[in-house]
Protein backbone atom coordinates (compact mmCIF):
# COMPACT_ATOMS: atom_id res chain seq x y z
CA UNK A 1 -0.44 -14.57 6.12
CA UNK A 2 -0.88 -10.81 5.63
CA UNK A 3 0.21 -8.38 8.33
CA UNK A 4 -2.44 -5.83 7.39
CA UNK A 5 -5.76 -7.62 7.13
CA UNK A 6 -7.73 -5.15 5.04
CA UNK A 7 -8.64 -5.97 1.46
CA UNK A 8 -6.43 -3.94 -0.92
CA UNK A 9 -8.09 -0.91 -2.50
CA UNK A 10 -7.32 -0.16 -6.13
CA UNK A 11 -6.42 3.29 -7.41
CA UNK A 12 -9.61 3.13 -9.50
CA UNK A 13 -11.70 2.70 -6.34
CA UNK A 14 -9.73 5.44 -4.58
CA UNK A 15 -10.26 8.17 -7.14
CA UNK A 16 -13.03 6.99 -9.52
CA UNK A 17 -11.83 9.32 -12.27
CA UNK A 18 -11.54 12.34 -9.95
CA UNK A 19 -8.59 14.35 -8.69
CA UNK A 20 -9.51 13.82 -5.06
CA UNK A 21 -9.97 10.77 -2.88
CA UNK A 22 -13.36 9.15 -2.51
CA UNK A 23 -14.92 8.69 0.94
CA UNK A 24 -14.16 4.97 0.57
CA UNK A 25 -10.46 5.76 0.02
CA UNK A 26 -10.31 8.15 2.97
CA UNK A 27 -11.81 5.46 5.22
CA UNK A 28 -9.39 2.87 3.82
CA UNK A 29 -6.37 5.09 4.59
CA UNK A 30 -7.63 5.71 8.15
CA UNK A 31 -8.23 1.98 8.74
CA UNK A 32 -4.83 0.95 7.38
CA UNK A 33 -3.00 3.66 9.35
CA UNK A 34 -4.64 2.42 12.54
CA UNK A 35 -3.19 -1.06 11.93
CA UNK A 36 0.29 0.15 11.03
CA UNK A 37 2.67 0.14 14.00
CA UNK A 38 4.84 3.17 14.74
CA UNK A 39 8.38 2.98 13.44
CA UNK A 40 11.28 5.23 12.64
CA UNK A 41 11.25 6.99 9.28
CA UNK A 42 13.72 5.77 6.67
CA UNK A 43 15.29 8.81 5.01
CA UNK A 44 16.68 9.06 1.52
CA UNK A 45 16.04 6.74 -1.39
CA UNK A 46 14.19 3.54 -0.56
CA UNK A 47 13.21 0.18 -1.95
CA UNK A 48 9.61 -0.81 -1.24
CA UNK A 49 8.33 -4.37 -1.61
CA UNK A 50 4.56 -4.88 -1.51
CA UNK A 51 2.86 -8.27 -1.35
CA UNK A 52 -0.90 -8.26 -1.81
CA UNK A 53 -3.02 -11.19 -0.66
CA UNK A 54 -6.26 -11.42 -2.65
CA UNK A 55 -9.12 -13.88 -3.00
CA UNK A 56 -9.84 -13.00 -6.63
CA UNK A 57 -6.35 -13.37 -8.13
CA UNK A 58 -7.35 -12.59 -11.71
CA UNK A 59 -9.67 -9.72 -10.83
CA UNK A 60 -7.15 -7.10 -9.68
CA UNK A 61 -4.20 -5.35 -11.29
CA UNK A 62 -1.25 -5.41 -8.93
CA UNK A 63 -0.12 -1.91 -9.97
CA UNK A 64 -3.53 -0.42 -9.14
CA UNK A 65 -3.20 -1.53 -5.52
CA UNK A 66 0.25 0.01 -5.01
CA UNK A 67 -0.47 3.76 -5.00
CA UNK A 68 -3.01 3.83 -2.19
CA UNK A 69 -0.75 1.69 0.04
CA UNK A 70 2.19 3.97 -0.76
CA UNK A 71 0.04 6.91 0.36
CA UNK A 72 -0.76 5.12 3.64
CA UNK A 73 2.92 4.44 4.34
CA UNK A 74 3.81 8.05 3.53
CA UNK A 75 1.05 9.35 5.81
CA UNK A 76 2.31 7.12 8.63
CA UNK A 77 5.81 8.59 7.99
CA UNK A 78 7.55 5.30 7.21
CA UNK A 79 9.52 7.24 4.59
CA UNK A 80 9.78 10.88 3.55
CA UNK A 81 7.64 10.79 0.43
CA UNK A 82 6.65 8.29 -2.24
CA UNK A 83 8.84 10.26 -4.65
CA UNK A 84 11.75 8.75 -2.68
CA UNK A 85 10.87 5.23 -3.87
CA UNK A 86 13.74 4.29 -6.19
CA UNK A 87 12.70 0.67 -6.52
CA UNK A 88 9.23 -0.81 -6.22
CA UNK A 89 8.61 -4.55 -6.17
CA UNK A 90 4.97 -5.62 -6.16
CA UNK A 91 3.35 -9.01 -6.29
CA UNK A 92 0.00 -10.56 -5.56
CA UNK A 93 -0.75 -13.94 -4.08
CA UNK A 94 -3.97 -15.89 -3.91
CA UNK A 95 -5.20 -16.10 -0.33
CA UNK A 96 -8.34 -16.79 1.68
CA UNK A 97 -7.53 -13.78 3.87
CA UNK A 98 -7.07 -10.48 2.02
CA UNK A 99 -4.49 -7.89 3.01
CA UNK A 100 -0.90 -6.93 2.34
CA UNK A 101 2.66 -7.09 3.64
CA UNK A 102 5.41 -4.59 2.98
CA UNK A 103 9.14 -4.31 3.40
CA UNK A 104 11.09 -1.06 3.25
CA UNK A 105 14.84 -0.62 3.13
CA UNK A 106 17.36 1.94 1.99
CA UNK A 107 18.11 1.83 -1.71
CA UNK A 108 21.80 1.67 -2.59
C-alpha cells in the first residue's frame, strides 16, 4: 500500500519539452509536499529507494517518475540536494491504488 496516494507524475508530464515546470507539475509538487511528514534532513551522500504503485504497469517508464519525486523530497528538505544521491533504487509495482513509497538512508 503506498504511503503517498497521488498518482506518479512522469518527467515528460512535468516539463513537456520545456526548461520550466508545467502548472500540472507545480500542483503535483505542492500536493505531494502537503502529504509528506516533517522529518530531519539526512546530510551527506544518500541512498534513495523509490517504489511506485501504478495501475497501468506497462504504460510508464520507472525512470521518468523518479526526478519529480526527487524534487519533492529535496523541496521538503529530506536531504540536502538530489546531487547527493549516490545510489538510486527504483521499482514499480502494479496496484489498484496509485502512489509511491520511499526510503532514504546514508550511503556508505
